[in-house]
Amino acid sequence: MAKTVLVTGGSGFLGAALSAKLLKNGWHVRVLDDGSRGRARRLAAIANEIEFIAGDVRNADDVDRATRGVDAVAHLAFVNGTEFFYSKPQLVLEVGVKGALNTLDACLRHEVPRYWLMSSSEVYQTPPRIPTDERVPLSIPDPLNPRYSYGGGKLISELLAINYGRERFEQVVVVRPHNVYGPDMGREHVIPQLIRRVDEICRGSDAKEIALPIKGDGRQTRSFVYVDDFTDGCAVAFTQGEHLNVYHVGTRDELTIAELAQKVAASFGRVATIVPGEAPQGETSRRCPDIAKIGALGWTPAISLDQGLARTREWYVTHADAS
């Protein structure tokens, strides 16, 4: 008989992709989502094969109802998107902290043995070494900066999961994603923002060379992992990872935001002149993970940035009006 996993936030970008992956791997999947950030279309291909429960992770009764009879909880529900860290920090923390507490308490009530937490590379803020391994200290540099509501919420969630898990769970595993991207990931992230910006420019001009505004001076670096690679690695970490362990899932392919913007423009057949703008306060200058630990479990990314950008670009151009 197939084991059942509850995926909170299962109609979100990562939640829907992970749900499809776990279903393919033989799990019975139950999704809990309130629809505030997720999109039903992301689950359309598997809607008849999963259970869907409408509910809010901030509501203990909703979480309790969804947790009954499951063998694992994959807790992904969170408010993501940089613009929300600044505009809705209270909501970010409320969903993050209440969601973690409610899912952990429900697991204990119903004797769920496995708890899988989706954290974030934002828990490092400005890491002291690059590539960054899982032993680097976590930090919140300035509690007055609303940006850190997200990293702070993830850090608190990790502390709760690890310390609840010391004696009460068979397996607690934390995954820290590093800049996952792909089709239908929303509008609040750098890759869809660049794609939409270039697409808009191209619709209004046939010029080969374009001026492309970006946030910051373009020297900030990131390492982007395509969503299909990410969910493969995430499933490996969750199902094969050691109890009370943290795993990075990402790539070692570090590039500047200016280089990324030029790649996006090139995917439209254009050459970009980068126009620097104001950088968000508190943004880290470099991010690139050490992925040796997840690599030891047999996972390695397979999809290049150029391949992933082409797929992502196609979706956003085709669905220009999608919210």
C-alpha atoms as a PDB file:
ATOM      1  CA  MET A   1       0.000   0.000   0.000  1.00  0.00           C
ATOM      2  CA  ALA A   2       1.370   3.414  -0.976  1.00  0.00           C
ATOM      3  CA  LYS A   3       2.427   5.734   1.807  1.00  0.00           C
ATOM      4  CA  THR A   4       0.674   9.092   2.081  1.00  0.00           C
ATOM      5  CA  VAL A   5       2.432  12.448   2.197  1.00  0.00           C
ATOM      6  CA  LEU A   6       0.803  15.760   3.033  1.00  0.00           C
ATOM      7  CA  VAL A   7       2.265  18.665   1.050  1.00  0.00           C
ATOM      8  CA  THR A   8       1.375  22.038   2.559  1.00  0.00           C
ATOM      9  CA  GLY A   9       1.346  24.855   0.034  1.00  0.00           C
ATOM     10  CA  GLY A  10       0.932  22.183  -2.604  1.00  0.00           C
ATOM     11  CA  SER A  11      -0.451  24.459  -5.318  1.00  0.00           C
ATOM     12  CA  GLY A  12       2.507  26.818  -5.040  1.00  0.00           C
ATOM     13  CA  PHE A  13       5.350  26.745  -7.549  1.00  0.00           C
ATOM     14  CA  LEU A  14       7.549  24.358  -5.574  1.00  0.00           C
ATOM     15  CA  GLY A  15       4.687  22.562  -3.851  1.00  0.00           C
ATOM     16  CA  ALA A  16       2.974  21.561  -7.082  1.00  0.00           C
ATOM     17  CA  ALA A  17       6.234  20.396  -8.640  1.00  0.00           C
ATOM     18  CA  LEU A  18       7.132  18.355  -5.550  1.00  0.00           C
ATOM     19  CA  SER A  19       3.619  16.883  -5.398  1.00  0.00           C
ATOM     20  CA  ALA A  20       3.921  15.675  -8.987  1.00  0.00           C
ATOM     21  CA  LYS A  21       7.359  14.220  -8.306  1.00  0.00           C
ATOM     22  CA  LEU A  22       6.302  12.342  -5.172  1.00  0.00           C
ATOM     23  CA  LEU A  23       3.199  11.045  -6.952  1.00  0.00           C
ATOM     24  CA  LYS A  24       5.397   9.759  -9.768  1.00  0.00           C
ATOM     25  CA  ASN A  25       7.623   8.087  -7.165  1.00  0.00           C
ATOM     26  CA  GLY A  26       4.700   6.075  -5.808  1.00  0.00           C
ATOM     27  CA  TRP A  27       3.430   8.214  -2.929  1.00  0.00           C
ATOM     28  CA  HIS A  28      -0.228   8.992  -2.355  1.00  0.00           C
ATOM     29  CA  VAL A  29      -0.281  12.793  -2.237  1.00  0.00           C
ATOM     30  CA  ARG A  30      -2.569  14.991  -0.173  1.00  0.00           C
ATOM     31  CA  VAL A  31      -2.342  18.768  -0.630  1.00  0.00           C
ATOM     32  CA  LEU A  32      -3.298  21.486   1.858  1.00  0.00           C
ATOM     33  CA  ASP A  33      -3.548  24.998   0.404  1.00  0.00           C
ATOM     34  CA  ASP A  34      -5.748  28.046   0.932  1.00  0.00           C
ATOM     35  CA  GLY A  35      -5.290  29.322  -2.617  1.00  0.00           C
ATOM     36  CA  SER A  36      -3.987  32.723  -1.512  1.00  0.00           C
ATOM     37  CA  ARG A  37      -0.651  32.253  -3.287  1.00  0.00           C
ATOM     38  CA  GLY A  38      -1.050  28.963  -5.123  1.00  0.00           C
ATOM     39  CA  ARG A  39      -2.740  28.330  -8.450  1.00  0.00           C
ATOM     40  CA  ALA A  40      -5.037  25.378  -9.169  1.00  0.00           C
ATOM     41  CA  ARG A  41      -3.677  25.198 -12.732  1.00  0.00           C
ATOM     42  CA  ARG A  42      -0.336  23.991 -11.381  1.00  0.00           C
ATOM     43  CA  LEU A  43      -2.031  20.809 -10.155  1.00  0.00           C
ATOM     44  CA  ALA A  44      -4.338  20.360 -13.152  1.00  0.00           C
ATOM     45  CA  ALA A  45      -2.342  17.479 -14.670  1.00  0.00           C
ATOM     46  CA  ILE A  46      -2.547  15.436 -11.443  1.00  0.00           C
ATOM     47  CA  ALA A  47      -5.794  16.754  -9.944  1.00  0.00           C
ATOM     48  CA  ASN A  48      -7.606  13.430 -10.351  1.00  0.00           C
ATOM     49  CA  GLU A  49      -4.776  11.506  -8.686  1.00  0.00           C
ATOM     50  CA  ILE A  50      -4.342  13.488  -5.474  1.00  0.00           C
ATOM     51  CA  GLU A  51      -6.420  14.610  -2.496  1.00  0.00           C
ATOM     52  CA  PHE A  52      -6.905  18.350  -2.151  1.00  0.00           C
ATOM     53  CA  ILE A  53      -7.916  19.967   1.135  1.00  0.00           C
ATOM     54  CA  ALA A  54      -8.699  23.683   1.188  1.00  0.00           C
ATOM     55  CA  GLY A  55      -7.255  25.153   4.344  1.00  0.00           C
ATOM     56  CA  ASP A  56      -4.832  27.583   5.948  1.00  0.00           C
ATOM     57  CA  VAL A  57      -1.679  26.460   7.766  1.00  0.00           C
ATOM     58  CA  ARG A  58      -2.322  29.219  10.301  1.00  0.00           C
ATOM     59  CA  ASN A  59      -5.509  27.399  11.322  1.00  0.00           C
ATOM     60  CA  ALA A  60      -4.722  24.492  13.643  1.00  0.00           C
ATOM     61  CA  ASP A  61      -8.010  22.732  12.868  1.00  0.00           C
ATOM     62  CA  ASP A  62      -7.349  22.807   9.122  1.00  0.00           C
ATOM     63  CA  VAL A  63      -3.875  21.393   9.646  1.00  0.00           C
ATOM     64  CA  ASP A  64      -5.103  18.731  12.051  1.00  0.00           C
ATOM     65  CA  ARG A  65      -7.746  17.566   9.578  1.00  0.00           C
ATOM     66  CA  ALA A  66      -5.218  17.354   6.755  1.00  0.00           C
ATOM     67  CA  THR A  67      -2.612  15.481   8.813  1.00  0.00           C
ATOM     68  CA  ARG A  68      -4.766  12.547   9.938  1.00  0.00           C
ATOM     69  CA  GLY A  69      -3.559   9.259   8.487  1.00  0.00           C
ATOM     70  CA  VAL A  70      -0.439  10.474   6.684  1.00  0.00           C
ATOM     71  CA  ASP A  71       3.043   8.960   6.851  1.00  0.00           C
ATOM     72  CA  ALA A  72       4.988  12.163   6.160  1.00  0.00           C
ATOM     73  CA  VAL A  73       4.446  15.909   6.066  1.00  0.00           C
ATOM     74  CA  ALA A  74       6.327  18.041   3.538  1.00  0.00           C
ATOM     75  CA  HIS A  75       5.881  21.569   4.866  1.00  0.00           C
ATOM     76  CA  LEU A  76       6.268  24.135   2.101  1.00  0.00           C
ATOM     77  CA  ALA A  77       3.507  26.666   2.820  1.00  0.00           C
ATOM     78  CA  PHE A  78       5.086  30.114   3.161  1.00  0.00           C
ATOM     79  CA  VAL A  79       4.756  33.610   1.693  1.00  0.00           C
ATOM     80  CA  ASN A  80       7.519  33.869  -0.910  1.00  0.00           C
ATOM     81  CA  GLY A  81       8.512  36.660  -3.291  1.00  0.00           C
ATOM     82  CA  THR A  82      10.931  39.457  -2.383  1.00  0.00           C
ATOM     83  CA  GLU A  83       8.364  42.225  -2.761  1.00  0.00           C
ATOM     84  CA  PHE A  84       6.242  40.631  -0.006  1.00  0.00           C
ATOM     85  CA  PHE A  85       9.192  40.484   2.409  1.00  0.00           C
ATOM     86  CA  TYR A  86       9.200  44.278   2.337  1.00  0.00           C
ATOM     87  CA  SER A  87       5.471  44.981   2.018  1.00  0.00           C
ATOM     88  CA  LYS A  88       3.949  42.255   4.251  1.00  0.00           C
ATOM     89  CA  PRO A  89       6.560  41.167   6.832  1.00  0.00           C
ATOM     90  CA  GLN A  90       3.967  40.463   9.529  1.00  0.00           C
ATOM     91  CA  LEU A  91       2.074  38.100   7.223  1.00  0.00           C
ATOM     92  CA  VAL A  92       5.329  36.398   6.180  1.00  0.00           C
ATOM     93  CA  LEU A  93       6.174  35.670   9.815  1.00  0.00           C
ATOM     94  CA  GLU A  94       2.624  34.717  10.789  1.00  0.00           C
ATOM     95  CA  VAL A  95       2.366  32.110   8.046  1.00  0.00           C
ATOM     96  CA  GLY A  96       5.905  30.912   8.675  1.00  0.00           C
ATOM     97  CA  VAL A  97       5.868  30.491  12.439  1.00  0.00           C
ATOM     98  CA  LYS A  98       2.240  29.422  12.915  1.00  0.00           C
ATOM     99  CA  GLY A  99       2.519  27.067   9.967  1.00  0.00           C
ATOM    100  CA  ALA A 100       5.580  25.348  11.413  1.00  0.00           C
ATOM    101  CA  LEU A 101       4.084  25.050  14.898  1.00  0.00           C
ATOM    102  CA  ASN A 102       0.713  23.808  13.652  1.00  0.00           C
ATOM    103  CA  THR A 103       2.186  21.173  11.335  1.00  0.00           C
ATOM    104  CA  LEU A 104       4.614  19.915  13.983  1.00  0.00           C
ATOM    105  CA  ASP A 105       1.907  19.746  16.655  1.00  0.00           C
ATOM    106  CA  ALA A 106      -0.439  17.909  14.293  1.00  0.00           C
ATOM    107  CA  CYS A 107       2.310  15.412  13.443  1.00  0.00           C
ATOM    108  CA  LEU A 108       2.822  14.673  17.122  1.00  0.00           C
ATOM    109  CA  ARG A 109      -0.916  14.260  17.762  1.00  0.00           C
ATOM    110  CA  HIS A 110      -1.285  11.848  14.861  1.00  0.00           C
ATOM    111  CA  GLU A 111       2.093  10.125  15.325  1.00  0.00           C
ATOM    112  CA  VAL A 112       3.398  11.064  11.886  1.00  0.00           C
ATOM    113  CA  PRO A 113       6.983   9.745  11.779  1.00  0.00           C
ATOM    114  CA  ARG A 114       8.501  11.958   9.048  1.00  0.00           C
ATOM    115  CA  TYR A 115       8.658  15.743   8.823  1.00  0.00           C
ATOM    116  CA  TRP A 116      10.251  17.404   5.786  1.00  0.00           C
ATOM    117  CA  LEU A 117      10.808  21.157   5.861  1.00  0.00           C
ATOM    118  CA  MET A 118      11.446  23.476   2.950  1.00  0.00           C
ATOM    119  CA  SER A 119      13.736  26.224   4.202  1.00  0.00           C
ATOM    120  CA  SER A 120      15.718  28.760   2.158  1.00  0.00           C
ATOM    121  CA  SER A 121      19.188  30.049   1.353  1.00  0.00           C
ATOM    122  CA  GLU A 122      17.942  33.331   2.861  1.00  0.00           C
ATOM    123  CA  VAL A 123      18.812  31.952   6.318  1.00  0.00           C
ATOM    124  CA  TYR A 124      22.477  32.764   5.542  1.00  0.00           C
ATOM    125  CA  GLN A 125      21.910  36.358   4.377  1.00  0.00           C
ATOM    126  CA  THR A 126      25.570  37.219   3.685  1.00  0.00           C
ATOM    127  CA  PRO A 127      27.471  33.931   3.975  1.00  0.00           C
ATOM    128  CA  PRO A 128      31.149  34.154   4.991  1.00  0.00           C
ATOM    129  CA  ARG A 129      32.250  31.660   2.350  1.00  0.00           C
ATOM    130  CA  ILE A 130      31.273  30.829  -1.224  1.00  0.00           C
ATOM    131  CA  PRO A 131      30.384  28.127  -2.211  1.00  0.00           C
ATOM    132  CA  THR A 132      28.349  27.901   0.979  1.00  0.00           C
ATOM    133  CA  ASP A 133      28.021  24.571   2.766  1.00  0.00           C
ATOM    134  CA  GLU A 134      25.348  23.571   5.262  1.00  0.00           C
ATOM    135  CA  ARG A 135      27.586  24.289   8.281  1.00  0.00           C
ATOM    136  CA  VAL A 136      27.845  28.035   7.660  1.00  0.00           C
ATOM    137  CA  PRO A 137      26.248  30.001  10.555  1.00  0.00           C
ATOM    138  CA  LEU A 138      22.759  31.382  10.028  1.00  0.00           C
ATOM    139  CA  SER A 139      22.108  35.051  10.673  1.00  0.00           C
ATOM    140  CA  ILE A 140      19.580  37.873  10.753  1.00  0.00           C
ATOM    141  CA  PRO A 141      21.740  41.003  10.375  1.00  0.00           C
ATOM    142  CA  ASP A 142      19.085  43.614  11.134  1.00  0.00           C
ATOM    143  CA  PRO A 143      15.691  42.858  12.700  1.00  0.00           C
ATOM    144  CA  LEU A 144      14.508  46.339  11.681  1.00  0.00           C
ATOM    145  CA  ASN A 145      14.819  45.473   7.982  1.00  0.00           C
ATOM    146  CA  PRO A 146      11.540  43.872   6.864  1.00  0.00           C
ATOM    147  CA  ARG A 147      13.355  41.819   4.220  1.00  0.00           C
ATOM    148  CA  TYR A 148      14.585  39.515   6.967  1.00  0.00           C
ATOM    149  CA  SER A 149      11.030  38.528   7.885  1.00  0.00           C
ATOM    150  CA  TYR A 150      11.409  35.714   5.366  1.00  0.00           C
ATOM    151  CA  GLY A 151      14.843  34.489   6.393  1.00  0.00           C
ATOM    152  CA  GLY A 152      13.859  34.880  10.047  1.00  0.00           C
ATOM    153  CA  GLY A 153      10.696  32.851   9.558  1.00  0.00           C
ATOM    154  CA  LYS A 154      12.645  30.100   7.824  1.00  0.00           C
ATOM    155  CA  LEU A 155      15.313  30.118  10.536  1.00  0.00           C
ATOM    156  CA  ILE A 156      12.663  29.799  13.254  1.00  0.00           C
ATOM    157  CA  SER A 157      11.014  26.968  11.307  1.00  0.00           C
ATOM    158  CA  GLU A 158      14.320  25.109  11.128  1.00  0.00           C
ATOM    159  CA  LEU A 159      14.888  25.486  14.865  1.00  0.00           C
ATOM    160  CA  LEU A 160      11.391  24.210  15.581  1.00  0.00           C
ATOM    161  CA  ALA A 161      11.695  21.235  13.235  1.00  0.00           C
ATOM    162  CA  ILE A 162      15.140  20.158  14.461  1.00  0.00           C
ATOM    163  CA  ASN A 163      14.326  20.510  18.146  1.00  0.00           C
ATOM    164  CA  TYR A 164      10.870  18.922  17.933  1.00  0.00           C
ATOM    165  CA  GLY A 165      12.524  16.181  15.943  1.00  0.00           C
ATOM    166  CA  ARG A 166      15.246  15.216  18.386  1.00  0.00           C
ATOM    167  CA  GLU A 167      13.071  12.736  20.281  1.00  0.00           C
ATOM    168  CA  ARG A 168       9.622  12.685  18.693  1.00  0.00           C
ATOM    169  CA  PHE A 169      10.203  11.853  15.005  1.00  0.00           C
ATOM    170  CA  GLU A 170      11.888   9.073  13.086  1.00  0.00           C
ATOM    171  CA  GLN A 171      13.087  11.479  10.417  1.00  0.00           C
ATOM    172  CA  VAL A 172      13.312  15.247  10.174  1.00  0.00           C
ATOM    173  CA  VAL A 173      15.047  16.633   7.077  1.00  0.00           C
ATOM    174  CA  VAL A 174      15.522  20.260   6.043  1.00  0.00           C
ATOM    175  CA  VAL A 175      16.120  21.342   2.424  1.00  0.00           C
ATOM    176  CA  ARG A 176      17.557  24.771   1.652  1.00  0.00           C
ATOM    177  CA  PRO A 177      16.753  25.675  -1.980  1.00  0.00           C
ATOM    178  CA  HIS A 178      19.051  28.022  -3.866  1.00  0.00           C
ATOM    179  CA  ASN A 179      17.232  30.119  -6.453  1.00  0.00           C
ATOM    180  CA  VAL A 180      14.820  27.683  -8.092  1.00  0.00           C
ATOM    181  CA  TYR A 181      13.221  28.876 -11.326  1.00  0.00           C
ATOM    182  CA  GLY A 182      10.932  27.589 -14.053  1.00  0.00           C
ATOM    183  CA  PRO A 183       7.575  28.061 -15.782  1.00  0.00           C
ATOM    184  CA  ASP A 184       4.682  29.508 -13.783  1.00  0.00           C
ATOM    185  CA  MET A 185       6.740  30.558 -10.770  1.00  0.00           C
ATOM    186  CA  GLY A 186       4.901  33.852 -10.300  1.00  0.00           C
ATOM    187  CA  ARG A 187       5.988  37.380 -11.102  1.00  0.00           C
ATOM    188  CA  GLU A 188       7.944  38.325  -7.973  1.00  0.00           C
ATOM    189  CA  HIS A 189      11.316  36.783  -8.865  1.00  0.00           C
ATOM    190  CA  VAL A 190      14.226  37.993 -10.959  1.00  0.00           C
ATOM    191  CA  ILE A 191      13.988  35.579 -13.916  1.00  0.00           C
ATOM    192  CA  PRO A 192      10.273  36.074 -14.703  1.00  0.00           C
ATOM    193  CA  GLN A 193      10.693  39.809 -14.124  1.00  0.00           C
ATOM    194  CA  LEU A 194      13.523  39.964 -16.646  1.00  0.00           C
ATOM    195  CA  ILE A 195      11.657  37.783 -19.152  1.00  0.00           C
ATOM    196  CA  ARG A 196       8.529  39.914 -18.920  1.00  0.00           C
ATOM    197  CA  ARG A 197      10.582  43.121 -19.187  1.00  0.00           C
ATOM    198  CA  VAL A 198      12.402  41.977 -22.322  1.00  0.00           C
ATOM    199  CA  ASP A 199       9.209  40.606 -23.847  1.00  0.00           C
ATOM    200  CA  GLU A 200       7.506  43.975 -23.337  1.00  0.00           C
ATOM    201  CA  ILE A 201      10.443  45.794 -24.937  1.00  0.00           C
ATOM    202  CA  CYS A 202      10.433  43.392 -27.891  1.00  0.00           C
ATOM    203  CA  ARG A 203       6.709  43.826 -28.457  1.00  0.00           C
ATOM    204  CA  GLY A 204       7.268  47.569 -28.818  1.00  0.00           C
ATOM    205  CA  SER A 205      10.460  47.606 -30.865  1.00  0.00           C
ATOM    206  CA  ASP A 206      12.362  45.592 -33.472  1.00  0.00           C
ATOM    207  CA  ALA A 207      15.727  47.019 -32.404  1.00  0.00           C
ATOM    208  CA  LYS A 208      18.483  44.433 -32.092  1.00  0.00           C
ATOM    209  CA  GLU A 209      20.105  46.270 -29.191  1.00  0.00           C
ATOM    210  CA  ILE A 210      17.966  47.128 -26.182  1.00  0.00           C
ATOM    211  CA  ALA A 211      18.408  49.005 -22.900  1.00  0.00           C
ATOM    212  CA  LEU A 212      17.470  46.664 -20.068  1.00  0.00           C
ATOM    213  CA  PRO A 213      16.845  48.115 -16.567  1.00  0.00           C
ATOM    214  CA  ILE A 214      17.746  45.914 -13.595  1.00  0.00           C
ATOM    215  CA  LYS A 215      17.747  46.249  -9.826  1.00  0.00           C
ATOM    216  CA  GLY A 216      21.197  47.021  -8.456  1.00  0.00           C
ATOM    217  CA  ASP A 217      24.426  47.322 -10.410  1.00  0.00           C
ATOM    218  CA  GLY A 218      24.300  43.807 -11.847  1.00  0.00           C
ATOM    219  CA  ARG A 219      27.384  42.548  -9.994  1.00  0.00           C
ATOM    220  CA  GLN A 220      25.370  40.503  -7.503  1.00  0.00           C
ATOM    221  CA  THR A 221      25.700  36.782  -8.162  1.00  0.00           C
ATOM    222  CA  ARG A 222      23.287  33.876  -7.915  1.00  0.00           C
ATOM    223  CA  SER A 223      23.246  30.186  -8.895  1.00  0.00           C
ATOM    224  CA  PHE A 224      19.963  29.096 -10.474  1.00  0.00           C
ATOM    225  CA  VAL A 225      18.541  25.568 -10.461  1.00  0.00           C
ATOM    226  CA  TYR A 226      15.729  24.539 -12.811  1.00  0.00           C
ATOM    227  CA  VAL A 227      12.587  23.316 -11.080  1.00  0.00           C
ATOM    228  CA  ASP A 228      12.707  19.759 -12.511  1.00  0.00           C
ATOM    229  CA  ASP A 229      16.262  19.306 -11.246  1.00  0.00           C
ATOM    230  CA  PHE A 230      15.264  20.813  -7.930  1.00  0.00           C
ATOM    231  CA  THR A 231      12.328  18.493  -7.320  1.00  0.00           C
ATOM    232  CA  ASP A 232      14.468  15.475  -8.202  1.00  0.00           C
ATOM    233  CA  GLY A 233      17.048  16.569  -5.633  1.00  0.00           C
ATOM    234  CA  CYS A 234      14.436  17.531  -3.086  1.00  0.00           C
ATOM    235  CA  ALA A 235      12.757  14.116  -3.314  1.00  0.00           C
ATOM    236  CA  VAL A 236      16.141  12.445  -2.832  1.00  0.00           C
ATOM    237  CA  ALA A 237      16.909  14.555   0.236  1.00  0.00           C
ATOM    238  CA  PHE A 238      13.503  14.001   1.808  1.00  0.00           C
ATOM    239  CA  THR A 239      13.260  10.266   1.212  1.00  0.00           C
ATOM    240  CA  GLN A 240      16.932   9.313   1.611  1.00  0.00           C
ATOM    241  CA  GLY A 241      18.295  12.062   3.842  1.00  0.00           C
ATOM    242  CA  GLU A 242      19.570  11.336   7.331  1.00  0.00           C
ATOM    243  CA  HIS A 243      17.522  12.275  10.381  1.00  0.00           C
ATOM    244  CA  LEU A 244      18.184  15.812  11.698  1.00  0.00           C
ATOM    245  CA  ASN A 245      20.157  16.815   8.625  1.00  0.00           C
ATOM    246  CA  VAL A 246      20.115  19.798   6.272  1.00  0.00           C
ATOM    247  CA  TYR A 247      20.705  19.571   2.516  1.00  0.00           C
ATOM    248  CA  HIS A 248      21.327  22.217  -0.120  1.00  0.00           C
ATOM    249  CA  VAL A 249      19.658  21.724  -3.484  1.00  0.00           C
ATOM    250  CA  GLY A 250      20.967  24.011  -6.196  1.00  0.00           C
ATOM    251  CA  THR A 251      23.822  24.363  -8.665  1.00  0.00           C
ATOM    252  CA  ARG A 252      27.435  25.526  -8.521  1.00  0.00           C
ATOM    253  CA  ASP A 253      26.980  27.611 -11.702  1.00  0.00           C
ATOM    254  CA  GLU A 254      27.396  31.115 -10.278  1.00  0.00           C
ATOM    255  CA  LEU A 255      26.796  34.124 -12.533  1.00  0.00           C
ATOM    256  CA  THR A 256      26.119  37.825 -12.118  1.00  0.00           C
ATOM    257  CA  ILE A 257      22.658  39.318 -12.484  1.00  0.00           C
ATOM    258  CA  ALA A 258      24.018  41.366 -15.398  1.00  0.00           C
ATOM    259  CA  GLU A 259      25.096  38.140 -17.120  1.00  0.00           C
ATOM    260  CA  LEU A 260      21.682  36.639 -16.404  1.00  0.00           C
ATOM    261  CA  ALA A 261      19.939  39.682 -17.905  1.00  0.00           C
ATOM    262  CA  GLN A 262      22.086  39.405 -21.034  1.00  0.00           C
ATOM    263  CA  LYS A 263      21.222  35.695 -21.332  1.00  0.00           C
ATOM    264  CA  VAL A 264      17.517  36.497 -21.102  1.00  0.00           C
ATOM    265  CA  ALA A 265      17.861  39.167 -23.784  1.00  0.00           C
ATOM    266  CA  ALA A 266      19.839  36.742 -25.981  1.00  0.00           C
ATOM    267  CA  SER A 267      17.022  34.193 -25.680  1.00  0.00           C
ATOM    268  CA  PHE A 268      14.841  36.793 -27.475  1.00  0.00           C
ATOM    269  CA  GLY A 269      17.532  37.383 -30.082  1.00  0.00           C
ATOM    270  CA  ARG A 270      18.467  40.764 -28.599  1.00  0.00           C
ATOM    271  CA  VAL A 271      21.656  42.293 -27.199  1.00  0.00           C
ATOM    272  CA  ALA A 272      21.175  44.069 -23.868  1.00  0.00           C
ATOM    273  CA  THR A 273      22.838  47.167 -22.504  1.00  0.00           C
ATOM    274  CA  ILE A 274      22.345  46.918 -18.753  1.00  0.00           C
ATOM    275  CA  VAL A 275      20.810  49.951 -17.017  1.00  0.00           C
ATOM    276  CA  PRO A 276      21.596  49.755 -13.276  1.00  0.00           C
ATOM    277  CA  GLY A 277      18.967  50.685 -10.707  1.00  0.00           C
ATOM    278  CA  GLU A 278      18.548  50.916  -6.973  1.00  0.00           C
ATOM    279  CA  ALA A 279      19.254  47.630  -5.159  1.00  0.00           C
ATOM    280  CA  PRO A 280      16.799  46.400  -2.503  1.00  0.00           C
ATOM    281  CA  GLN A 281      18.106  47.124   0.985  1.00  0.00           C
ATOM    282  CA  GLY A 282      19.642  44.069   2.626  1.00  0.00           C
ATOM    283  CA  GLU A 283      20.150  42.043  -0.554  1.00  0.00           C
ATOM    284  CA  THR A 284      23.133  39.695  -0.389  1.00  0.00           C
ATOM    285  CA  SER A 285      25.914  40.267  -2.915  1.00  0.00           C
ATOM    286  CA  ARG A 286      26.763  36.605  -3.623  1.00  0.00           C
ATOM    287  CA  ARG A 287      24.990  33.273  -3.381  1.00  0.00           C
ATOM    288  CA  CYS A 288      26.270  29.894  -4.513  1.00  0.00           C
ATOM    289  CA  PRO A 289      25.773  26.610  -2.654  1.00  0.00           C
ATOM    290  CA  ASP A 290      28.106  23.734  -1.971  1.00  0.00           C
ATOM    291  CA  ILE A 291      26.035  20.707  -3.064  1.00  0.00           C
ATOM    292  CA  ALA A 292      28.469  17.940  -2.112  1.00  0.00           C
ATOM    293  CA  LYS A 293      26.198  16.661   0.662  1.00  0.00           C
ATOM    294  CA  ILE A 294      23.178  16.025  -1.585  1.00  0.00           C
ATOM    295  CA  GLY A 295      25.596  14.795  -4.243  1.00  0.00           C
ATOM    296  CA  ALA A 296      26.695  12.034  -1.874  1.00  0.00           C
ATOM    297  CA  LEU A 297      23.113  10.734  -2.039  1.00  0.00           C
ATOM    298  CA  GLY A 298      23.421  10.392  -5.813  1.00  0.00           C
ATOM    299  CA  TRP A 299      21.857  13.634  -7.068  1.00  0.00           C
ATOM    300  CA  THR A 300      23.356  16.096  -9.514  1.00  0.00           C
ATOM    301  CA  PRO A 301      21.640  18.809 -11.609  1.00  0.00           C
ATOM    302  CA  ALA A 302      21.218  17.954 -15.290  1.00  0.00           C
ATOM    303  CA  ILE A 303      19.498  20.944 -16.942  1.00  0.00           C
ATOM    304  CA  SER A 304      21.678  23.874 -18.012  1.00  0.00           C
ATOM    305  CA  LEU A 305      20.667  27.466 -17.406  1.00  0.00           C
ATOM    306  CA  ASP A 306      20.272  28.052 -21.158  1.00  0.00           C
ATOM    307  CA  GLN A 307      17.929  25.048 -21.425  1.00  0.00           C
ATOM    308  CA  GLY A 308      15.912  26.086 -18.398  1.00  0.00           C
ATOM    309  CA  LEU A 309      15.671  29.713 -19.489  1.00  0.00           C
ATOM    310  CA  ALA A 310      14.329  28.648 -22.894  1.00  0.00           C
ATOM    311  CA  ARG A 311      11.542  26.616 -21.258  1.00  0.00           C
ATOM    312  CA  THR A 312      10.754  29.378 -18.782  1.00  0.00           C
ATOM    313  CA  ARG A 313      10.773  32.078 -21.434  1.00  0.00           C
ATOM    314  CA  GLU A 314       8.376  30.069 -23.611  1.00  0.00           C
ATOM    315  CA  TRP A 315       5.872  29.770 -20.762  1.00  0.00           C
ATOM    316  CA  TYR A 316       5.922  33.457 -19.836  1.00  0.00           C
ATOM    317  CA  VAL A 317       5.667  34.662 -23.422  1.00  0.00           C
ATOM    318  CA  THR A 318       2.771  32.278 -24.076  1.00  0.00           C
ATOM    319  CA  HIS A 319       1.045  33.192 -20.811  1.00  0.00           C
ATOM    320  CA  ALA A 320       1.803  36.927 -20.799  1.00  0.00           C
ATOM    321  CA  ASP A 321      -1.453  37.736 -19.012  1.00  0.00           C
ATOM    322  CA  ALA A 322      -1.263  35.005 -16.370  1.00  0.00           C
ATOM    323  CA  SER A 323      -1.258  36.141 -12.748  1.00  0.00           C
END
